[in-house]
Amino acid sequence: MHLCRQLTLAAVRAWIAEHGEGPSVRQISSVTGLSLGGIAHALPTAWSRTAL
């Protein structure tokens, strides 16, 4: 698995653990520093608590 994807998924998992729900793409961008295009490349098309 690509390091960028691993770090992004780890950040999303941490967000879900803290907030109880998944973040928006803009929130992921803020946390990870990735562009919206980078996030689209790094994350599955439809993510959820079970997908992560």
N, C-alpha and C. Protein backbone atom coordinates (compact mmCIF):
# COMPACT_ATOMS: atom_id res chain seq x y z
N MET A 1 0.86 -1.18 0.00
CA MET A 1 0.00 0.00 0.00
C MET A 1 0.90 1.24 0.00
N HIS A 2 0.55 2.19 -0.79
CA HIS A 2 1.31 3.43 -0.92
C HIS A 2 1.30 4.18 0.42
N LEU A 3 2.43 4.77 0.79
CA LEU A 3 2.56 5.46 2.08
C LEU A 3 1.55 6.59 2.23
N CYS A 4 1.31 7.35 1.17
CA CYS A 4 0.35 8.45 1.22
C CYS A 4 -1.03 7.92 1.60
N ARG A 5 -1.42 6.82 0.97
CA ARG A 5 -2.73 6.21 1.25
C ARG A 5 -2.77 5.72 2.70
N GLN A 6 -1.69 5.09 3.17
CA GLN A 6 -1.66 4.59 4.54
C GLN A 6 -1.82 5.74 5.54
N LEU A 7 -1.10 6.82 5.31
CA LEU A 7 -1.18 7.97 6.21
C LEU A 7 -2.56 8.61 6.18
N THR A 8 -3.14 8.71 4.99
CA THR A 8 -4.47 9.30 4.86
C THR A 8 -5.50 8.44 5.58
N LEU A 9 -5.45 7.13 5.37
CA LEU A 9 -6.41 6.25 6.03
C LEU A 9 -6.22 6.29 7.55
N ALA A 10 -4.99 6.38 8.00
CA ALA A 10 -4.73 6.48 9.44
C ALA A 10 -5.34 7.77 10.00
N ALA A 11 -5.20 8.86 9.27
CA ALA A 11 -5.78 10.14 9.70
C ALA A 11 -7.30 10.06 9.75
N VAL A 12 -7.90 9.41 8.76
CA VAL A 12 -9.36 9.27 8.74
C VAL A 12 -9.82 8.39 9.90
N ARG A 13 -9.11 7.30 10.15
CA ARG A 13 -9.47 6.44 11.28
C ARG A 13 -9.38 7.21 12.60
N ALA A 14 -8.35 8.01 12.76
CA ALA A 14 -8.20 8.81 13.98
C ALA A 14 -9.35 9.80 14.11
N TRP A 15 -9.74 10.42 12.99
CA TRP A 15 -10.86 11.38 13.01
C TRP A 15 -12.14 10.67 13.45
N ILE A 16 -12.41 9.50 12.87
CA ILE A 16 -13.62 8.75 13.23
C ILE A 16 -13.59 8.39 14.71
N ALA A 17 -12.44 7.97 15.21
CA ALA A 17 -12.32 7.62 16.63
C ALA A 17 -12.64 8.82 17.51
N GLU A 18 -12.21 10.00 17.09
CA GLU A 18 -12.43 11.20 17.89
C GLU A 18 -13.83 11.77 17.73
N HIS A 19 -14.36 11.76 16.51
CA HIS A 19 -15.63 12.45 16.22
C HIS A 19 -16.83 11.52 16.05
N GLY A 20 -16.59 10.21 15.92
CA GLY A 20 -17.69 9.27 15.79
C GLY A 20 -18.27 9.15 14.40
N GLU A 21 -17.74 9.89 13.44
CA GLU A 21 -18.20 9.81 12.06
C GLU A 21 -17.06 10.23 11.15
N GLY A 22 -17.20 9.89 9.89
CA GLY A 22 -16.15 10.22 8.93
C GLY A 22 -16.09 11.71 8.63
N PRO A 23 -14.90 12.20 8.32
CA PRO A 23 -14.72 13.60 7.97
C PRO A 23 -15.11 13.87 6.52
N SER A 24 -15.33 15.12 6.21
CA SER A 24 -15.55 15.51 4.82
C SER A 24 -14.21 15.51 4.10
N VAL A 25 -14.25 15.55 2.79
CA VAL A 25 -13.02 15.58 2.00
C VAL A 25 -12.22 16.83 2.35
N ARG A 26 -12.88 17.96 2.53
CA ARG A 26 -12.17 19.19 2.89
C ARG A 26 -11.50 19.06 4.27
N GLN A 27 -12.17 18.39 5.19
CA GLN A 27 -11.56 18.17 6.51
C GLN A 27 -10.35 17.25 6.39
N ILE A 28 -10.43 16.23 5.56
CA ILE A 28 -9.28 15.35 5.33
C ILE A 28 -8.14 16.16 4.75
N SER A 29 -8.43 17.03 3.82
CA SER A 29 -7.40 17.87 3.21
C SER A 29 -6.72 18.72 4.27
N SER A 30 -7.50 19.28 5.17
CA SER A 30 -6.96 20.11 6.24
C SER A 30 -6.05 19.32 7.16
N VAL A 31 -6.45 18.10 7.50
CA VAL A 31 -5.68 17.26 8.42
C VAL A 31 -4.42 16.71 7.77
N THR A 32 -4.52 16.29 6.52
CA THR A 32 -3.40 15.59 5.86
C THR A 32 -2.52 16.50 5.02
N GLY A 33 -3.06 17.66 4.61
CA GLY A 33 -2.31 18.53 3.71
C GLY A 33 -2.38 18.09 2.26
N LEU A 34 -3.15 17.04 1.98
CA LEU A 34 -3.30 16.58 0.60
C LEU A 34 -4.28 17.46 -0.15
N SER A 35 -4.08 17.57 -1.45
CA SER A 35 -5.05 18.27 -2.29
C SER A 35 -6.29 17.39 -2.41
N LEU A 36 -7.39 17.98 -2.87
CA LEU A 36 -8.61 17.19 -3.06
C LEU A 36 -8.36 16.06 -4.05
N GLY A 37 -7.58 16.33 -5.09
CA GLY A 37 -7.23 15.28 -6.06
C GLY A 37 -6.39 14.19 -5.44
N GLY A 38 -5.48 14.58 -4.55
CA GLY A 38 -4.65 13.59 -3.85
C GLY A 38 -5.47 12.70 -2.95
N ILE A 39 -6.47 13.27 -2.33
CA ILE A 39 -7.36 12.49 -1.47
C ILE A 39 -8.17 11.52 -2.31
N ALA A 40 -8.69 12.00 -3.42
CA ALA A 40 -9.47 11.13 -4.30
C ALA A 40 -8.63 9.94 -4.75
N HIS A 41 -7.35 10.18 -4.97
CA HIS A 41 -6.46 9.09 -5.39
C HIS A 41 -6.14 8.15 -4.23
N ALA A 42 -6.04 8.68 -3.02
CA ALA A 42 -5.59 7.89 -1.87
C ALA A 42 -6.69 7.07 -1.21
N LEU A 43 -7.91 7.56 -1.26
CA LEU A 43 -9.00 6.89 -0.54
C LEU A 43 -9.90 6.10 -1.48
N PRO A 44 -10.57 5.08 -0.94
CA PRO A 44 -11.57 4.37 -1.72
C PRO A 44 -12.68 5.34 -2.15
N THR A 45 -13.38 5.00 -3.21
CA THR A 45 -14.45 5.86 -3.72
C THR A 45 -15.49 6.16 -2.66
N ALA A 46 -15.95 5.13 -1.99
CA ALA A 46 -16.96 5.33 -0.93
C ALA A 46 -16.40 4.75 0.35
N TRP A 47 -16.03 5.61 1.29
CA TRP A 47 -15.49 5.09 2.54
C TRP A 47 -16.52 5.24 3.63
N SER A 48 -16.40 4.38 4.60
CA SER A 48 -17.26 4.42 5.77
C SER A 48 -16.48 3.81 6.91
N ARG A 49 -17.06 3.77 8.06
CA ARG A 49 -16.40 3.16 9.21
C ARG A 49 -15.99 1.72 8.88
N THR A 50 -16.84 0.98 8.18
CA THR A 50 -16.53 -0.42 7.87
C THR A 50 -15.52 -0.53 6.74
N ALA A 51 -15.51 0.42 5.81
CA ALA A 51 -14.58 0.36 4.69
C ALA A 51 -13.16 0.65 5.14
N LEU A 52 -13.00 1.39 6.21
CA LEU A 52 -11.67 1.75 6.69
C LEU A 52 -11.19 0.70 7.65
